[in-house]
PDB file of all heavy atoms in Angstrom:
ATOM      1  N   ASN A   1       0.854  -1.189   0.000  1.00  0.00           N
ATOM      2  CA  ASN A   1       0.000   0.000   0.000  1.00  0.00           C
ATOM      3  C   ASN A   1       0.888   1.236   0.000  1.00  0.00           C
ATOM      4  O   ASN A   1       1.987   1.225   0.550  1.00  0.00           O
ATOM      5  CB  ASN A   1      -0.900  -0.005   1.240  1.00  0.00           C
ATOM      6  CG  ASN A   1      -1.798  -1.221   1.264  1.00  0.00           C
ATOM      7  OD1 ASN A   1      -2.675  -1.369   0.429  1.00  0.00           O
ATOM      8  ND2 ASN A   1      -1.552  -2.117   2.215  1.00  0.00           N
ATOM      9  N   THR A   2       0.386   2.314  -0.608  1.00  0.00           N
ATOM     10  CA  THR A   2       1.154   3.550  -0.719  1.00  0.00           C
ATOM     11  C   THR A   2       0.324   4.728  -0.254  1.00  0.00           C
ATOM     12  O   THR A   2      -0.830   4.883  -0.677  1.00  0.00           O
ATOM     13  CB  THR A   2       1.588   3.782  -2.180  1.00  0.00           C
ATOM     14  OG1 THR A   2       2.357   2.657  -2.621  1.00  0.00           O
ATOM     15  CG2 THR A   2       2.424   5.049  -2.315  1.00  0.00           C
ATOM     16  N   PHE A   3       0.926   5.572   0.592  1.00  0.00           N
ATOM     17  CA  PHE A   3       0.277   6.810   1.037  1.00  0.00           C
ATOM     18  C   PHE A   3       1.141   7.996   0.633  1.00  0.00           C
ATOM     19  O   PHE A   3       2.294   8.107   1.052  1.00  0.00           O
ATOM     20  CB  PHE A   3       0.064   6.818   2.549  1.00  0.00           C
ATOM     21  CG  PHE A   3      -0.551   8.092   3.041  1.00  0.00           C
ATOM     22  CD1 PHE A   3      -1.868   8.397   2.739  1.00  0.00           C
ATOM     23  CD2 PHE A   3       0.180   8.997   3.785  1.00  0.00           C
ATOM     24  CE1 PHE A   3      -2.446   9.582   3.177  1.00  0.00           C
ATOM     25  CE2 PHE A   3      -0.386  10.184   4.235  1.00  0.00           C
ATOM     26  CZ  PHE A   3      -1.701  10.477   3.920  1.00  0.00           C
ATOM     27  N   LEU A   4       0.582   8.889  -0.194  1.00  0.00           N
ATOM     28  CA  LEU A   4       1.295  10.065  -0.675  1.00  0.00           C
ATOM     29  C   LEU A   4       0.572  11.356  -0.310  1.00  0.00           C
ATOM     30  O   LEU A   4       0.915  12.419  -0.825  1.00  0.00           O
ATOM     31  CB  LEU A   4       1.461   9.990  -2.203  1.00  0.00           C
ATOM     32  CG  LEU A   4       2.211   8.763  -2.729  1.00  0.00           C
ATOM     33  CD1 LEU A   4       2.188   8.733  -4.254  1.00  0.00           C
ATOM     34  CD2 LEU A   4       3.631   8.727  -2.203  1.00  0.00           C
ATOM     35  N   GLY A   5      -0.425  11.276   0.547  1.00  0.00           N
ATOM     36  CA  GLY A   5      -1.214  12.449   0.923  1.00  0.00           C
ATOM     37  C   GLY A   5      -0.677  13.142   2.159  1.00  0.00           C
ATOM     38  O   GLY A   5       0.506  13.029   2.498  1.00  0.00           O
ATOM     39  N   LYS A   6      -1.556  13.828   2.843  1.00  0.00           N
ATOM     40  CA  LYS A   6      -1.224  14.550   4.075  1.00  0.00           C
ATOM     41  C   LYS A   6      -2.127  14.055   5.202  1.00  0.00           C
ATOM     42  O   LYS A   6      -3.314  13.798   4.991  1.00  0.00           O
ATOM     43  CB  LYS A   6      -1.439  16.055   3.915  1.00  0.00           C
ATOM     44  CG  LYS A   6      -0.650  16.684   2.793  1.00  0.00           C
ATOM     45  CD  LYS A   6       0.763  16.936   3.208  1.00  0.00           C
ATOM     46  CE  LYS A   6       1.479  17.678   2.087  1.00  0.00           C
ATOM     47  NZ  LYS A   6       2.897  17.581   2.179  1.00  0.00           N
ATOM     48  N   ILE A   7      -1.542  13.956   6.427  1.00  0.00           N
ATOM     49  CA  ILE A   7      -2.293  13.563   7.614  1.00  0.00           C
ATOM     50  C   ILE A   7      -2.246  14.720   8.597  1.00  0.00           C
ATOM     51  O   ILE A   7      -1.195  15.336   8.783  1.00  0.00           O
ATOM     52  CB  ILE A   7      -1.674  12.322   8.285  1.00  0.00           C
ATOM     53  CG1 ILE A   7      -1.711  11.132   7.357  1.00  0.00           C
ATOM     54  CG2 ILE A   7      -2.392  11.990   9.586  1.00  0.00           C
ATOM     55  CD1 ILE A   7      -1.018   9.912   7.906  1.00  0.00           C
ATOM     56  N   ARG A   8      -3.384  14.957   9.255  1.00  0.00           N
ATOM     57  CA  ARG A   8      -3.426  16.017  10.260  1.00  0.00           C
ATOM     58  C   ARG A   8      -4.266  15.557  11.441  1.00  0.00           C
ATOM     59  O   ARG A   8      -5.375  15.060  11.273  1.00  0.00           O
ATOM     60  CB  ARG A   8      -4.033  17.291   9.683  1.00  0.00           C
ATOM     61  CG  ARG A   8      -3.988  18.473  10.645  1.00  0.00           C
ATOM     62  CD  ARG A   8      -4.492  19.751   9.994  1.00  0.00           C
ATOM     63  NE  ARG A   8      -5.926  19.738   9.759  1.00  0.00           N
ATOM     64  CZ  ARG A   8      -6.827  20.104  10.674  1.00  0.00           C
ATOM     65  NH1 ARG A   8      -6.456  20.494  11.871  1.00  0.00           N
ATOM     66  NH2 ARG A   8      -8.108  20.075  10.378  1.00  0.00           N
ATOM     67  N   ALA A   9      -3.712  15.719  12.643  1.00  0.00           N
ATOM     68  CA  ALA A   9      -4.446  15.423  13.869  1.00  0.00           C
ATOM     69  C   ALA A   9      -4.963  16.727  14.455  1.00  0.00           C
ATOM     70  O   ALA A   9      -4.257  17.731  14.462  1.00  0.00           O
ATOM     71  CB  ALA A   9      -3.545  14.733  14.875  1.00  0.00           C
ATOM     72  N   THR A  10      -6.188  16.693  14.943  1.00  0.00           N
ATOM     73  CA  THR A  10      -6.782  17.890  15.536  1.00  0.00           C
ATOM     74  C   THR A  10      -6.477  18.000  17.023  1.00  0.00           C
ATOM     75  O   THR A  10      -6.833  18.988  17.650  1.00  0.00           O
ATOM     76  CB  THR A  10      -8.305  17.908  15.324  1.00  0.00           C
ATOM     77  OG1 THR A  10      -8.868  16.728  15.897  1.00  0.00           O
ATOM     78  CG2 THR A  10      -8.636  17.987  13.840  1.00  0.00           C
ATOM     79  N   THR A  11      -5.815  16.981  17.600  1.00  0.00           N
ATOM     80  CA  THR A  11      -5.410  17.012  19.007  1.00  0.00           C
ATOM     81  C   THR A  11      -3.930  16.657  19.099  1.00  0.00           C
ATOM     82  O   THR A  11      -3.385  16.012  18.214  1.00  0.00           O
ATOM     83  CB  THR A  11      -6.203  15.996  19.855  1.00  0.00           C
ATOM     84  OG1 THR A  11      -5.955  14.686  19.350  1.00  0.00           O
ATOM     85  CG2 THR A  11      -7.677  16.293  19.833  1.00  0.00           C
ATOM     86  N   SER A  12      -3.308  17.047  20.180  1.00  0.00           N
ATOM     87  CA  SER A  12      -1.904  16.675  20.364  1.00  0.00           C
ATOM     88  C   SER A  12      -1.828  15.294  21.014  1.00  0.00           C
ATOM     89  O   SER A  12      -2.728  14.870  21.711  1.00  0.00           O
ATOM     90  CB  SER A  12      -1.199  17.714  21.232  1.00  0.00           C
ATOM     91  OG  SER A  12      -1.781  17.747  22.514  1.00  0.00           O
ATOM     92  N   GLY A  13      -0.739  14.608  20.764  1.00  0.00           N
ATOM     93  CA  GLY A  13      -0.537  13.299  21.366  1.00  0.00           C
ATOM     94  C   GLY A  13      -1.325  12.187  20.714  1.00  0.00           C
ATOM     95  O   GLY A  13      -1.452  11.103  21.248  1.00  0.00           O
ATOM     96  N   ALA A  14      -1.879  12.437  19.562  1.00  0.00           N
ATOM     97  CA  ALA A  14      -2.685  11.439  18.866  1.00  0.00           C
ATOM     98  C   ALA A  14      -1.794  10.359  18.252  1.00  0.00           C
ATOM     99  O   ALA A  14      -0.630  10.585  17.957  1.00  0.00           O
ATOM    100  CB  ALA A  14      -3.510  12.111  17.780  1.00  0.00           C
ATOM    101  N   TYR A  15      -2.358   9.171  18.063  1.00  0.00           N
ATOM    102  CA  TYR A  15      -1.680   8.105  17.338  1.00  0.00           C
ATOM    103  C   TYR A  15      -1.839   8.399  15.854  1.00  0.00           C
ATOM    104  O   TYR A  15      -2.956   8.421  15.333  1.00  0.00           O
ATOM    105  CB  TYR A  15      -2.301   6.743  17.655  1.00  0.00           C
ATOM    106  CG  TYR A  15      -2.058   6.270  19.059  1.00  0.00           C
ATOM    107  CD1 TYR A  15      -3.025   6.412  20.041  1.00  0.00           C
ATOM    108  CD2 TYR A  15      -0.842   5.680  19.399  1.00  0.00           C
ATOM    109  CE1 TYR A  15      -2.796   5.965  21.332  1.00  0.00           C
ATOM    110  CE2 TYR A  15      -0.608   5.233  20.691  1.00  0.00           C
ATOM    111  CZ  TYR A  15      -1.592   5.384  21.649  1.00  0.00           C
ATOM    112  OH  TYR A  15      -1.369   4.947  22.921  1.00  0.00           O
ATOM    113  N   ILE A  16      -0.715   8.610  15.191  1.00  0.00           N
ATOM    114  CA  ILE A  16      -0.726   8.939  13.767  1.00  0.00           C
ATOM    115  C   ILE A  16       0.308   8.070  13.071  1.00  0.00           C
ATOM    116  O   ILE A  16       1.429   7.933  13.556  1.00  0.00           O
ATOM    117  CB  ILE A  16      -0.365  10.414  13.524  1.00  0.00           C
ATOM    118  CG1 ILE A  16      -1.296  11.345  14.289  1.00  0.00           C
ATOM    119  CG2 ILE A  16      -0.406  10.740  12.034  1.00  0.00           C
ATOM    120  CD1 ILE A  16      -0.846  12.783  14.268  1.00  0.00           C
ATOM    121  N   GLY A  17      -0.052   7.506  11.922  1.00  0.00           N
ATOM    122  CA  GLY A  17       0.905   6.709  11.160  1.00  0.00           C
ATOM    123  C   GLY A  17       0.748   6.918   9.674  1.00  0.00           C
ATOM    124  O   GLY A  17      -0.366   7.079   9.180  1.00  0.00           O
ATOM    125  N   GLY A  18       1.865   6.919   8.978  1.00  0.00           N
ATOM    126  CA  GLY A  18       1.826   7.047   7.525  1.00  0.00           C
ATOM    127  C   GLY A  18       1.070   5.899   6.868  1.00  0.00           C
ATOM    128  O   GLY A  18       0.452   6.070   5.829  1.00  0.00           O
ATOM    129  N   ILE A  19       1.086   4.728   7.494  1.00  0.00           N
ATOM    130  CA  ILE A  19       0.357   3.567   6.984  1.00  0.00           C
ATOM    131  C   ILE A  19      -0.772   3.187   7.937  1.00  0.00           C
ATOM    132  O   ILE A  19      -1.939   3.200   7.578  1.00  0.00           O
ATOM    133  CB  ILE A  19       1.309   2.368   6.764  1.00  0.00           C
ATOM    134  CG1 ILE A  19       2.418   2.731   5.772  1.00  0.00           C
ATOM    135  CG2 ILE A  19       0.542   1.137   6.304  1.00  0.00           C
ATOM    136  CD1 ILE A  19       1.931   3.069   4.373  1.00  0.00           C
ATOM    137  N   ILE A  20      -0.448   2.838   9.186  1.00  0.00           N
ATOM    138  CA  ILE A  20      -1.429   2.449  10.205  1.00  0.00           C
ATOM    139  C   ILE A  20      -1.296   3.404  11.383  1.00  0.00           C
ATOM    140  O   ILE A  20      -0.202   3.585  11.915  1.00  0.00           O
ATOM    141  CB  ILE A  20      -1.206   0.996  10.678  1.00  0.00           C
ATOM    142  CG1 ILE A  20      -1.340   0.017   9.511  1.00  0.00           C
ATOM    143  CG2 ILE A  20      -2.189   0.638  11.791  1.00  0.00           C
ATOM    144  CD1 ILE A  20      -0.885  -1.398   9.838  1.00  0.00           C
ATOM    145  N   GLY A  21      -2.401   3.974  11.820  1.00  0.00           N
ATOM    146  CA  GLY A  21      -2.359   4.885  12.953  1.00  0.00           C
ATOM    147  C   GLY A  21      -2.187   4.178  14.280  1.00  0.00           C
ATOM    148  O   GLY A  21      -1.395   4.610  15.121  1.00  0.00           O
ATOM    149  N   TYR A  22      -2.898   3.072  14.496  1.00  0.00           N
ATOM    150  CA  TYR A  22      -2.848   2.397  15.794  1.00  0.00           C
ATOM    151  C   TYR A  22      -3.273   0.935  15.646  1.00  0.00           C
ATOM    152  O   TYR A  22      -4.261   0.632  14.988  1.00  0.00           O
ATOM    153  CB  TYR A  22      -3.803   3.088  16.774  1.00  0.00           C
ATOM    154  CG  TYR A  22      -3.870   2.425  18.134  1.00  0.00           C
ATOM    155  CD1 TYR A  22      -2.933   2.711  19.110  1.00  0.00           C
ATOM    156  CD2 TYR A  22      -4.881   1.513  18.429  1.00  0.00           C
ATOM    157  CE1 TYR A  22      -2.991   2.106  20.362  1.00  0.00           C
ATOM    158  CE2 TYR A  22      -4.942   0.904  19.669  1.00  0.00           C
ATOM    159  CZ  TYR A  22      -4.003   1.201  20.634  1.00  0.00           C
ATOM    160  OH  TYR A  22      -4.057   0.602  21.863  1.00  0.00           O
ATOM    161  N   TYR A  23      -2.506   0.039  16.280  1.00  0.00           N
ATOM    162  CA  TYR A  23      -2.887  -1.365  16.440  1.00  0.00           C
ATOM    163  C   TYR A  23      -2.837  -1.673  17.934  1.00  0.00           C
ATOM    164  O   TYR A  23      -1.844  -1.352  18.596  1.00  0.00           O
ATOM    165  CB  TYR A  23      -1.907  -2.291  15.720  1.00  0.00           C
ATOM    166  CG  TYR A  23      -2.364  -2.819  14.389  1.00  0.00           C
ATOM    167  CD1 TYR A  23      -3.528  -2.399  13.779  1.00  0.00           C
ATOM    168  CD2 TYR A  23      -1.596  -3.762  13.717  1.00  0.00           C
ATOM    169  CE1 TYR A  23      -3.922  -2.897  12.555  1.00  0.00           C
ATOM    170  CE2 TYR A  23      -1.983  -4.272  12.490  1.00  0.00           C
ATOM    171  CZ  TYR A  23      -3.141  -3.836  11.906  1.00  0.00           C
ATOM    172  OH  TYR A  23      -3.536  -4.327  10.708  1.00  0.00           O
ATOM    173  N   HIS A  24      -3.869  -2.321  18.454  1.00  0.00           N
ATOM    174  CA  HIS A  24      -3.910  -2.706  19.867  1.00  0.00           C
ATOM    175  C   HIS A  24      -2.773  -3.662  20.206  1.00  0.00           C
ATOM    176  O   HIS A  24      -2.227  -3.621  21.296  1.00  0.00           O
ATOM    177  CB  HIS A  24      -5.278  -3.322  20.176  1.00  0.00           C
ATOM    178  CG  HIS A  24      -5.473  -3.729  21.599  1.00  0.00           C
ATOM    179  ND1 HIS A  24      -5.499  -2.825  22.633  1.00  0.00           N
ATOM    180  CD2 HIS A  24      -5.636  -4.949  22.154  1.00  0.00           C
ATOM    181  CE1 HIS A  24      -5.683  -3.466  23.770  1.00  0.00           C
ATOM    182  NE2 HIS A  24      -5.766  -4.762  23.506  1.00  0.00           N
ATOM    183  N   SER A  25      -2.428  -4.546  19.265  1.00  0.00           N
ATOM    184  CA  SER A  25      -1.320  -5.476  19.471  1.00  0.00           C
ATOM    185  C   SER A  25      -0.869  -6.026  18.129  1.00  0.00           C
ATOM    186  O   SER A  25      -1.561  -5.909  17.124  1.00  0.00           O
ATOM    187  CB  SER A  25      -1.737  -6.624  20.387  1.00  0.00           C
ATOM    188  OG  SER A  25      -2.647  -7.468  19.715  1.00  0.00           O
ATOM    189  N   LEU A  26       0.287  -6.650  18.133  1.00  0.00           N
ATOM    190  CA  LEU A  26       0.808  -7.368  16.965  1.00  0.00           C
ATOM    191  C   LEU A  26       1.159  -8.780  17.410  1.00  0.00           C
ATOM    192  O   LEU A  26       1.566  -8.997  18.547  1.00  0.00           O
ATOM    193  CB  LEU A  26       2.071  -6.692  16.431  1.00  0.00           C
ATOM    194  CG  LEU A  26       1.892  -5.337  15.768  1.00  0.00           C
ATOM    195  CD1 LEU A  26       3.262  -4.711  15.481  1.00  0.00           C
ATOM    196  CD2 LEU A  26       1.100  -5.454  14.487  1.00  0.00           C
ATOM    197  N   ASN A  27       1.009  -9.743  16.491  1.00  0.00           N
ATOM    198  CA  ASN A  27       1.431 -11.102  16.817  1.00  0.00           C
ATOM    199  C   ASN A  27       1.858 -11.846  15.558  1.00  0.00           C
ATOM    200  O   ASN A  27       1.972 -11.242  14.485  1.00  0.00           O
ATOM    201  CB  ASN A  27       0.353 -11.868  17.596  1.00  0.00           C
ATOM    202  CG  ASN A  27      -0.892 -12.135  16.794  1.00  0.00           C
ATOM    203  OD1 ASN A  27      -0.862 -12.214  15.573  1.00  0.00           O
ATOM    204  ND2 ASN A  27      -2.019 -12.290  17.467  1.00  0.00           N
ATOM    205  N   LYS A  28       2.054 -13.154  15.649  1.00  0.00           N
ATOM    206  CA  LYS A  28       2.615 -13.928  14.542  1.00  0.00           C
ATOM    207  C   LYS A  28       1.736 -13.938  13.292  1.00  0.00           C
ATOM    208  O   LYS A  28       2.212 -14.209  12.212  1.00  0.00           O
ATOM    209  CB  LYS A  28       2.898 -15.367  14.980  1.00  0.00           C
ATOM    210  CG  LYS A  28       1.662 -16.222  15.194  1.00  0.00           C
ATOM    211  CD  LYS A  28       2.057 -17.631  15.538  1.00  0.00           C
ATOM    212  CE  LYS A  28       0.843 -18.532  15.591  1.00  0.00           C
ATOM    213  NZ  LYS A  28       1.204 -19.922  15.748  1.00  0.00           N
ATOM    214  N   TRP A  29       0.451 -13.647  13.402  1.00  0.00           N
ATOM    215  CA  TRP A  29      -0.426 -13.683  12.241  1.00  0.00           C
ATOM    216  C   TRP A  29      -0.420 -12.380  11.443  1.00  0.00           C
ATOM    217  O   TRP A  29      -0.923 -12.332  10.340  1.00  0.00           O
ATOM    218  CB  TRP A  29      -1.858 -14.011  12.664  1.00  0.00           C
ATOM    219  CG  TRP A  29      -1.980 -15.381  13.242  1.00  0.00           C
ATOM    220  CD1 TRP A  29      -2.251 -15.702  14.536  1.00  0.00           C
ATOM    221  CD2 TRP A  29      -1.816 -16.626  12.560  1.00  0.00           C
ATOM    222  NE1 TRP A  29      -2.263 -17.065  14.701  1.00  0.00           N
ATOM    223  CE2 TRP A  29      -2.008 -17.658  13.500  1.00  0.00           C
ATOM    224  CE3 TRP A  29      -1.523 -16.974  11.244  1.00  0.00           C
ATOM    225  CZ2 TRP A  29      -1.911 -18.991  13.170  1.00  0.00           C
ATOM    226  CZ3 TRP A  29      -1.430 -18.321  10.913  1.00  0.00           C
ATOM    227  CH2 TRP A  29      -1.629 -19.305  11.870  1.00  0.00           C
ATOM    228  N   ASP A  30       0.145 -11.324  12.008  1.00  0.00           N
ATOM    229  CA  ASP A  30       0.210 -10.052  11.297  1.00  0.00           C
ATOM    230  C   ASP A  30       1.237 -10.151  10.174  1.00  0.00           C
ATOM    231  O   ASP A  30       2.412 -10.402  10.422  1.00  0.00           O
ATOM    232  CB  ASP A  30       0.587  -8.919  12.253  1.00  0.00           C
ATOM    233  CG  ASP A  30      -0.508  -8.631  13.252  1.00  0.00           C
ATOM    234  OD1 ASP A  30      -1.582  -8.181  12.830  1.00  0.00           O
ATOM    235  OD2 ASP A  30      -0.297  -8.868  14.459  1.00  0.00           O
ATOM    236  N   ASP A  31       0.789  -9.984   8.948  1.00  0.00           N
ATOM    237  CA  ASP A  31       1.648 -10.063   7.763  1.00  0.00           C
ATOM    238  C   ASP A  31       1.607  -8.702   7.072  1.00  0.00           C
ATOM    239  O   ASP A  31       0.802  -8.472   6.162  1.00  0.00           O
ATOM    240  CB  ASP A  31       1.149 -11.180   6.848  1.00  0.00           C
ATOM    241  CG  ASP A  31       2.088 -11.421   5.662  1.00  0.00           C
ATOM    242  OD1 ASP A  31       3.096 -10.703   5.536  1.00  0.00           O
ATOM    243  OD2 ASP A  31       1.766 -12.305   4.854  1.00  0.00           O
ATOM    244  N   ILE A  32       2.460  -7.800   7.537  1.00  0.00           N
ATOM    245  CA  ILE A  32       2.475  -6.417   7.070  1.00  0.00           C
ATOM    246  C   ILE A  32       3.810  -6.189   6.362  1.00  0.00           C
ATOM    247  O   ILE A  32       4.870  -6.291   6.997  1.00  0.00           O
ATOM    248  CB  ILE A  32       2.328  -5.440   8.262  1.00  0.00           C
ATOM    249  CG1 ILE A  32       1.044  -5.737   9.024  1.00  0.00           C
ATOM    250  CG2 ILE A  32       2.370  -3.999   7.784  1.00  0.00           C
ATOM    251  CD1 ILE A  32       0.948  -5.037  10.373  1.00  0.00           C
ATOM    252  N   SER A  33       3.766  -5.899   5.053  1.00  0.00           N
ATOM    253  CA  SER A  33       5.039  -5.697   4.342  1.00  0.00           C
ATOM    254  C   SER A  33       4.829  -4.909   3.055  1.00  0.00           C
ATOM    255  O   SER A  33       3.724  -4.843   2.501  1.00  0.00           O
ATOM    256  CB  SER A  33       5.685  -7.037   4.011  1.00  0.00           C
ATOM    257  OG  SER A  33       4.906  -7.751   3.074  1.00  0.00           O
ATOM    258  N   GLY A  34       5.911  -4.306   2.582  1.00  0.00           N
ATOM    259  CA  GLY A  34       5.917  -3.619   1.293  1.00  0.00           C
ATOM    260  C   GLY A  34       5.091  -2.352   1.243  1.00  0.00           C
ATOM    261  O   GLY A  34       4.709  -1.921   0.159  1.00  0.00           O
ATOM    262  N   ASN A  35       4.809  -1.754   2.382  1.00  0.00           N
ATOM    263  CA  ASN A  35       4.016  -0.527   2.412  1.00  0.00           C
ATOM    264  C   ASN A  35       4.943   0.677   2.377  1.00  0.00           C
ATOM    265  O   ASN A  35       6.066   0.627   2.872  1.00  0.00           O
ATOM    266  CB  ASN A  35       3.149  -0.506   3.676  1.00  0.00           C
ATOM    267  CG  ASN A  35       2.184  -1.668   3.694  1.00  0.00           C
ATOM    268  OD1 ASN A  35       1.253  -1.726   2.920  1.00  0.00           O
ATOM    269  ND2 ASN A  35       2.428  -2.621   4.581  1.00  0.00           N
ATOM    270  N   TYR A  36       4.451   1.786   1.815  1.00  0.00           N
ATOM    271  CA  TYR A  36       5.282   2.960   1.604  1.00  0.00           C
ATOM    272  C   TYR A  36       4.478   4.219   1.901  1.00  0.00           C
ATOM    273  O   TYR A  36       3.306   4.303   1.559  1.00  0.00           O
ATOM    274  CB  TYR A  36       5.747   2.987   0.136  1.00  0.00           C
ATOM    275  CG  TYR A  36       6.432   4.251  -0.269  1.00  0.00           C
ATOM    276  CD1 TYR A  36       7.770   4.467  -0.019  1.00  0.00           C
ATOM    277  CD2 TYR A  36       5.708   5.266  -0.918  1.00  0.00           C
ATOM    278  CE1 TYR A  36       8.400   5.643  -0.392  1.00  0.00           C
ATOM    279  CE2 TYR A  36       6.328   6.448  -1.289  1.00  0.00           C
ATOM    280  CZ  TYR A  36       7.679   6.631  -1.027  1.00  0.00           C
ATOM    281  OH  TYR A  36       8.285   7.794  -1.397  1.00  0.00           O
ATOM    282  N   PHE A  37       5.149   5.194   2.536  1.00  0.00           N
ATOM    283  CA  PHE A  37       4.526   6.515   2.681  1.00  0.00           C
ATOM    284  C   PHE A  37       5.582   7.572   2.440  1.00  0.00           C
ATOM    285  O   PHE A  37       6.768   7.373   2.691  1.00  0.00           O
ATOM    286  CB  PHE A  37       3.859   6.708   4.050  1.00  0.00           C
ATOM    287  CG  PHE A  37       4.796   6.723   5.226  1.00  0.00           C
ATOM    288  CD1 PHE A  37       5.300   7.917   5.706  1.00  0.00           C
ATOM    289  CD2 PHE A  37       5.157   5.531   5.849  1.00  0.00           C
ATOM    290  CE1 PHE A  37       6.162   7.927   6.793  1.00  0.00           C
ATOM    291  CE2 PHE A  37       6.006   5.542   6.941  1.00  0.00           C
ATOM    292  CZ  PHE A  37       6.515   6.744   7.412  1.00  0.00           C
ATOM    293  N   SER A  38       5.151   8.707   1.945  1.00  0.00           N
ATOM    294  CA  SER A  38       6.032   9.817   1.680  1.00  0.00           C
ATOM    295  C   SER A  38       6.278  10.588   2.959  1.00  0.00           C
ATOM    296  O   SER A  38       5.333  10.906   3.695  1.00  0.00           O
ATOM    297  CB  SER A  38       5.400  10.734   0.629  1.00  0.00           C
ATOM    298  OG  SER A  38       6.143  11.922   0.512  1.00  0.00           O
ATOM    299  N   ALA A  39       7.519  10.931   3.252  1.00  0.00           N
ATOM    300  CA  ALA A  39       7.866  11.658   4.468  1.00  0.00           C
ATOM    301  C   ALA A  39       7.285  13.065   4.475  1.00  0.00           C
ATOM    302  O   ALA A  39       7.071  13.650   5.519  1.00  0.00           O
ATOM    303  CB  ALA A  39       9.381  11.735   4.630  1.00  0.00           C
ATOM    304  N   SER A  40       6.984  13.609   3.316  1.00  0.00           N
ATOM    305  CA  SER A  40       6.438  14.966   3.284  1.00  0.00           C
ATOM    306  C   SER A  40       4.949  14.967   3.551  1.00  0.00           C
ATOM    307  O   SER A  40       4.345  15.989   3.687  1.00  0.00           O
ATOM    308  CB  SER A  40       6.718  15.609   1.919  1.00  0.00           C
ATOM    309  OG  SER A  40       6.032  14.915   0.896  1.00  0.00           O
TER     310      SER A  40
END
């Protein structure tokens, strides 16, 4: 997956991610790879 847009939080301290903002947990079944986001 590719993200080339802009993200904005309306509060401070928010969970923000170029690909995923928040996951409660990760484990062996999570298969997350090849994702890209622009730093700008």
